[in-house]
Amino acid sequence: TLPLHDALPIYARWSPDGRTIAVVLAGERVITIPAAGGRPKTIGRGLSVFWGRDGTLYVLRNTWSEVWTSTNGSPERFLLRAPGGLEIYSLDAD
C-alpha cells in the first residue's frame, strides 16, 4: 500500500471517462486512484498531468521539458523532450 496520509496533493485531474483521478503529490510523485475504490497505483514522478481522450496519461517531468506517458496504470515511458531547453506548460492531448 502507498502511505497517502502524509502526502499532500499538489495537482489532480480526472480521466475523460471519470473512472480514475491522476494526482501529483508532494515530492513530484504521480499516482492514479480508481474512482470506484481500490488501491492507488504509482505511475512515477512528474510536475503536472494531462489525460488524452483515449485514456493515455501524459506526465510533464524534468523542469517542464519532458513528456512521459502511462496507459492503464502502467509505469511511465519516455515520449519526448522539448528542444533547446524550452518548457512545456500545457498539452492538447486530444
N, C-alpha and C. Protein backbone atom coordinates (compact mmCIF):
# COMPACT_ATOMS: atom_id res chain seq x y z
N THR A 1 0.83 -1.19 0.00
CA THR A 1 0.00 0.00 0.00
C THR A 1 0.87 1.25 0.00
N LEU A 2 0.29 2.34 -0.46
CA LEU A 2 1.00 3.61 -0.50
C LEU A 2 0.65 4.43 0.72
N PRO A 3 1.62 5.00 1.41
CA PRO A 3 1.32 5.85 2.56
C PRO A 3 0.83 7.22 2.10
N LEU A 4 -0.48 7.37 1.95
CA LEU A 4 -1.03 8.62 1.44
C LEU A 4 -1.37 9.62 2.54
N HIS A 5 -1.39 9.17 3.77
CA HIS A 5 -1.80 10.05 4.87
C HIS A 5 -0.88 11.24 5.06
N ASP A 6 0.38 11.14 4.66
CA ASP A 6 1.31 12.25 4.84
C ASP A 6 1.71 12.90 3.53
N ALA A 7 1.03 12.54 2.44
CA ALA A 7 1.35 13.09 1.13
C ALA A 7 0.31 14.14 0.74
N LEU A 8 0.74 15.36 0.54
CA LEU A 8 -0.18 16.43 0.17
C LEU A 8 -0.37 16.46 -1.34
N PRO A 9 -1.63 16.44 -1.80
CA PRO A 9 -1.86 16.56 -3.24
C PRO A 9 -1.55 17.97 -3.72
N ILE A 10 -0.85 18.07 -4.83
CA ILE A 10 -0.50 19.36 -5.40
C ILE A 10 -1.38 19.66 -6.60
N TYR A 11 -1.70 18.62 -7.36
CA TYR A 11 -2.44 18.78 -8.61
C TYR A 11 -3.20 17.50 -8.88
N ALA A 12 -4.41 17.60 -9.39
CA ALA A 12 -5.19 16.41 -9.71
C ALA A 12 -6.03 16.66 -10.95
N ARG A 13 -6.27 15.59 -11.71
CA ARG A 13 -7.07 15.70 -12.92
C ARG A 13 -7.82 14.39 -13.16
N TRP A 14 -9.13 14.50 -13.44
CA TRP A 14 -9.95 13.32 -13.71
C TRP A 14 -9.72 12.81 -15.12
N SER A 15 -9.81 11.49 -15.29
CA SER A 15 -9.72 10.89 -16.62
C SER A 15 -10.98 11.26 -17.42
N PRO A 16 -10.92 11.20 -18.75
CA PRO A 16 -12.09 11.55 -19.56
C PRO A 16 -13.32 10.70 -19.27
N ASP A 17 -13.14 9.44 -18.89
CA ASP A 17 -14.29 8.58 -18.60
C ASP A 17 -14.76 8.70 -17.15
N GLY A 18 -14.07 9.50 -16.34
CA GLY A 18 -14.46 9.72 -14.95
C GLY A 18 -14.20 8.55 -14.03
N ARG A 19 -13.43 7.57 -14.48
CA ARG A 19 -13.17 6.38 -13.66
C ARG A 19 -11.90 6.45 -12.83
N THR A 20 -11.02 7.39 -13.16
CA THR A 20 -9.73 7.47 -12.49
C THR A 20 -9.34 8.92 -12.28
N ILE A 21 -8.67 9.20 -11.18
CA ILE A 21 -8.09 10.52 -10.97
C ILE A 21 -6.58 10.36 -10.87
N ALA A 22 -5.86 11.21 -11.59
CA ALA A 22 -4.40 11.23 -11.52
C ALA A 22 -4.02 12.37 -10.58
N VAL A 23 -3.10 12.09 -9.67
CA VAL A 23 -2.73 13.06 -8.65
C VAL A 23 -1.21 13.22 -8.62
N VAL A 24 -0.76 14.48 -8.59
CA VAL A 24 0.65 14.77 -8.33
C VAL A 24 0.74 15.12 -6.85
N LEU A 25 1.52 14.33 -6.12
CA LEU A 25 1.70 14.53 -4.69
C LEU A 25 2.97 15.31 -4.42
N ALA A 26 3.11 15.82 -3.21
CA ALA A 26 4.36 16.48 -2.80
C ALA A 26 5.51 15.53 -3.10
N GLY A 27 6.63 16.07 -3.50
CA GLY A 27 7.77 15.25 -3.88
C GLY A 27 7.69 14.77 -5.31
N GLU A 28 6.78 15.35 -6.09
CA GLU A 28 6.61 15.05 -7.52
C GLU A 28 6.22 13.61 -7.79
N ARG A 29 5.57 12.95 -6.84
CA ARG A 29 5.11 11.58 -7.05
C ARG A 29 3.75 11.59 -7.73
N VAL A 30 3.61 10.80 -8.81
CA VAL A 30 2.36 10.72 -9.56
C VAL A 30 1.71 9.37 -9.29
N ILE A 31 0.42 9.42 -8.92
CA ILE A 31 -0.34 8.20 -8.69
C ILE A 31 -1.68 8.32 -9.40
N THR A 32 -2.33 7.18 -9.63
CA THR A 32 -3.71 7.18 -10.10
C THR A 32 -4.55 6.45 -9.06
N ILE A 33 -5.78 6.92 -8.91
CA ILE A 33 -6.69 6.35 -7.92
C ILE A 33 -8.01 6.03 -8.63
N PRO A 34 -8.48 4.77 -8.56
CA PRO A 34 -9.77 4.44 -9.16
C PRO A 34 -10.92 5.14 -8.41
N ALA A 35 -11.85 5.72 -9.15
CA ALA A 35 -12.97 6.43 -8.52
C ALA A 35 -13.87 5.47 -7.75
N ALA A 36 -13.97 4.23 -8.19
CA ALA A 36 -14.85 3.26 -7.54
C ALA A 36 -14.20 2.61 -6.31
N GLY A 37 -13.01 3.05 -5.97
CA GLY A 37 -12.28 2.46 -4.85
C GLY A 37 -11.21 1.52 -5.37
N GLY A 38 -10.40 1.08 -4.50
CA GLY A 38 -9.28 0.22 -4.89
C GLY A 38 -7.97 0.86 -4.52
N ARG A 39 -6.93 0.19 -4.86
CA ARG A 39 -5.59 0.66 -4.48
C ARG A 39 -5.04 1.69 -5.47
N PRO A 40 -4.42 2.72 -4.95
CA PRO A 40 -3.72 3.66 -5.84
C PRO A 40 -2.55 2.96 -6.52
N LYS A 41 -2.24 3.41 -7.75
CA LYS A 41 -1.09 2.88 -8.48
C LYS A 41 -0.05 3.97 -8.63
N THR A 42 1.19 3.64 -8.35
CA THR A 42 2.28 4.59 -8.55
C THR A 42 2.64 4.58 -10.03
N ILE A 43 2.62 5.76 -10.64
CA ILE A 43 2.95 5.91 -12.05
C ILE A 43 4.41 6.29 -12.21
N GLY A 44 4.89 7.19 -11.38
CA GLY A 44 6.28 7.67 -11.46
C GLY A 44 6.39 9.04 -10.84
N ARG A 45 7.22 9.88 -11.47
CA ARG A 45 7.44 11.24 -10.98
C ARG A 45 6.96 12.23 -12.02
N GLY A 46 6.52 13.40 -11.56
CA GLY A 46 6.09 14.41 -12.51
C GLY A 46 5.69 15.71 -11.84
N LEU A 47 5.50 16.72 -12.68
CA LEU A 47 5.13 18.05 -12.22
C LEU A 47 3.68 18.38 -12.50
N SER A 48 3.14 17.79 -13.57
CA SER A 48 1.75 18.02 -13.96
C SER A 48 1.29 16.84 -14.80
N VAL A 49 -0.02 16.65 -14.91
CA VAL A 49 -0.57 15.54 -15.68
C VAL A 49 -1.70 16.03 -16.59
N PHE A 50 -1.87 15.35 -17.70
CA PHE A 50 -2.93 15.62 -18.66
C PHE A 50 -3.43 14.27 -19.17
N TRP A 51 -4.72 14.16 -19.43
CA TRP A 51 -5.30 12.93 -19.98
C TRP A 51 -5.58 13.12 -21.46
N GLY A 52 -5.26 12.10 -22.25
CA GLY A 52 -5.68 12.06 -23.65
C GLY A 52 -7.09 11.50 -23.72
N ARG A 53 -7.75 11.75 -24.81
CA ARG A 53 -9.12 11.27 -24.99
C ARG A 53 -9.21 9.75 -24.91
N ASP A 54 -8.13 9.07 -25.30
CA ASP A 54 -8.11 7.60 -25.29
C ASP A 54 -7.74 7.01 -23.92
N GLY A 55 -7.55 7.87 -22.92
CA GLY A 55 -7.21 7.39 -21.59
C GLY A 55 -5.72 7.34 -21.30
N THR A 56 -4.90 7.77 -22.25
CA THR A 56 -3.46 7.84 -22.00
C THR A 56 -3.19 9.00 -21.06
N LEU A 57 -2.36 8.75 -20.06
CA LEU A 57 -1.96 9.80 -19.12
C LEU A 57 -0.62 10.37 -19.58
N TYR A 58 -0.55 11.68 -19.74
CA TYR A 58 0.68 12.37 -20.13
C TYR A 58 1.21 13.09 -18.90
N VAL A 59 2.48 12.88 -18.59
CA VAL A 59 3.10 13.42 -17.39
C VAL A 59 4.26 14.33 -17.79
N LEU A 60 4.24 15.59 -17.31
CA LEU A 60 5.36 16.52 -17.54
C LEU A 60 6.39 16.31 -16.44
N ARG A 61 7.66 16.19 -16.86
CA ARG A 61 8.76 15.96 -15.92
C ARG A 61 9.95 16.85 -16.23
N ASN A 62 10.93 16.79 -15.34
CA ASN A 62 12.26 17.37 -15.56
C ASN A 62 12.19 18.85 -15.92
N THR A 63 11.80 19.65 -15.00
CA THR A 63 11.67 21.11 -15.18
C THR A 63 10.81 21.46 -16.39
N TRP A 64 9.71 20.73 -16.56
CA TRP A 64 8.71 21.01 -17.58
C TRP A 64 9.19 20.78 -19.01
N SER A 65 10.26 20.04 -19.22
CA SER A 65 10.81 19.88 -20.57
C SER A 65 10.63 18.48 -21.15
N GLU A 66 10.12 17.53 -20.40
CA GLU A 66 9.93 16.17 -20.88
C GLU A 66 8.48 15.73 -20.72
N VAL A 67 8.02 14.92 -21.68
CA VAL A 67 6.68 14.32 -21.60
C VAL A 67 6.85 12.81 -21.53
N TRP A 68 6.21 12.21 -20.54
CA TRP A 68 6.19 10.76 -20.35
C TRP A 68 4.74 10.31 -20.44
N THR A 69 4.50 9.05 -20.80
CA THR A 69 3.13 8.55 -20.92
C THR A 69 2.93 7.31 -20.06
N SER A 70 1.67 7.07 -19.73
CA SER A 70 1.27 5.88 -18.99
C SER A 70 -0.10 5.44 -19.51
N THR A 71 -0.26 4.15 -19.76
CA THR A 71 -1.56 3.62 -20.15
C THR A 71 -1.97 2.53 -19.19
N ASN A 72 -3.24 2.53 -18.83
CA ASN A 72 -3.81 1.52 -17.93
C ASN A 72 -3.05 1.38 -16.61
N GLY A 73 -2.55 2.50 -16.08
CA GLY A 73 -1.87 2.47 -14.79
C GLY A 73 -0.47 1.93 -14.83
N SER A 74 0.10 1.77 -16.02
CA SER A 74 1.47 1.25 -16.12
C SER A 74 2.48 2.33 -15.75
N PRO A 75 3.71 1.94 -15.40
CA PRO A 75 4.75 2.93 -15.12
C PRO A 75 4.99 3.82 -16.35
N GLU A 76 5.47 5.01 -16.11
CA GLU A 76 5.73 5.98 -17.18
C GLU A 76 6.75 5.46 -18.19
N ARG A 77 6.55 5.93 -19.45
CA ARG A 77 7.53 5.69 -20.51
C ARG A 77 7.83 7.03 -21.17
N PHE A 78 9.09 7.25 -21.52
CA PHE A 78 9.51 8.50 -22.14
C PHE A 78 8.87 8.67 -23.50
N LEU A 79 8.35 9.88 -23.79
CA LEU A 79 7.75 10.19 -25.08
C LEU A 79 8.57 11.21 -25.86
N LEU A 80 8.83 12.39 -25.25
CA LEU A 80 9.57 13.42 -25.97
C LEU A 80 10.19 14.43 -25.01
N ARG A 81 11.19 15.15 -25.53
CA ARG A 81 11.85 16.23 -24.79
C ARG A 81 11.77 17.49 -25.65
N ALA A 82 11.41 18.62 -25.06
CA ALA A 82 11.33 19.88 -25.79
C ALA A 82 12.74 20.31 -26.21
N PRO A 83 12.91 20.78 -27.44
CA PRO A 83 14.24 21.17 -27.91
C PRO A 83 14.72 22.47 -27.28
N GLY A 84 16.01 22.61 -27.18
CA GLY A 84 16.62 23.87 -26.75
C GLY A 84 16.25 24.34 -25.36
N GLY A 85 15.90 23.42 -24.48
CA GLY A 85 15.58 23.80 -23.11
C GLY A 85 14.23 24.50 -22.97
N LEU A 86 13.36 24.41 -23.99
CA LEU A 86 12.03 25.01 -23.89
C LEU A 86 11.21 24.28 -22.85
N GLU A 87 10.25 24.97 -22.26
CA GLU A 87 9.39 24.38 -21.25
C GLU A 87 8.00 24.15 -21.82
N ILE A 88 7.36 23.07 -21.39
CA ILE A 88 6.01 22.72 -21.81
C ILE A 88 5.07 23.00 -20.65
N TYR A 89 4.06 23.81 -20.88
CA TYR A 89 3.13 24.14 -19.81
C TYR A 89 1.75 23.53 -20.00
N SER A 90 1.43 23.13 -21.22
CA SER A 90 0.13 22.55 -21.48
C SER A 90 0.24 21.59 -22.66
N LEU A 91 -0.66 20.63 -22.71
CA LEU A 91 -0.72 19.69 -23.82
C LEU A 91 -2.14 19.64 -24.35
N ASP A 92 -2.28 19.56 -25.66
CA ASP A 92 -3.56 19.26 -26.26
C ASP A 92 -3.47 17.79 -26.62
N ALA A 93 -3.92 16.95 -25.71
CA ALA A 93 -3.72 15.52 -25.84
C ALA A 93 -4.90 14.83 -26.51
N ASP A 94 -5.73 15.59 -27.23
CA ASP A 94 -6.85 15.00 -27.96
C ASP A 94 -6.35 14.49 -29.26
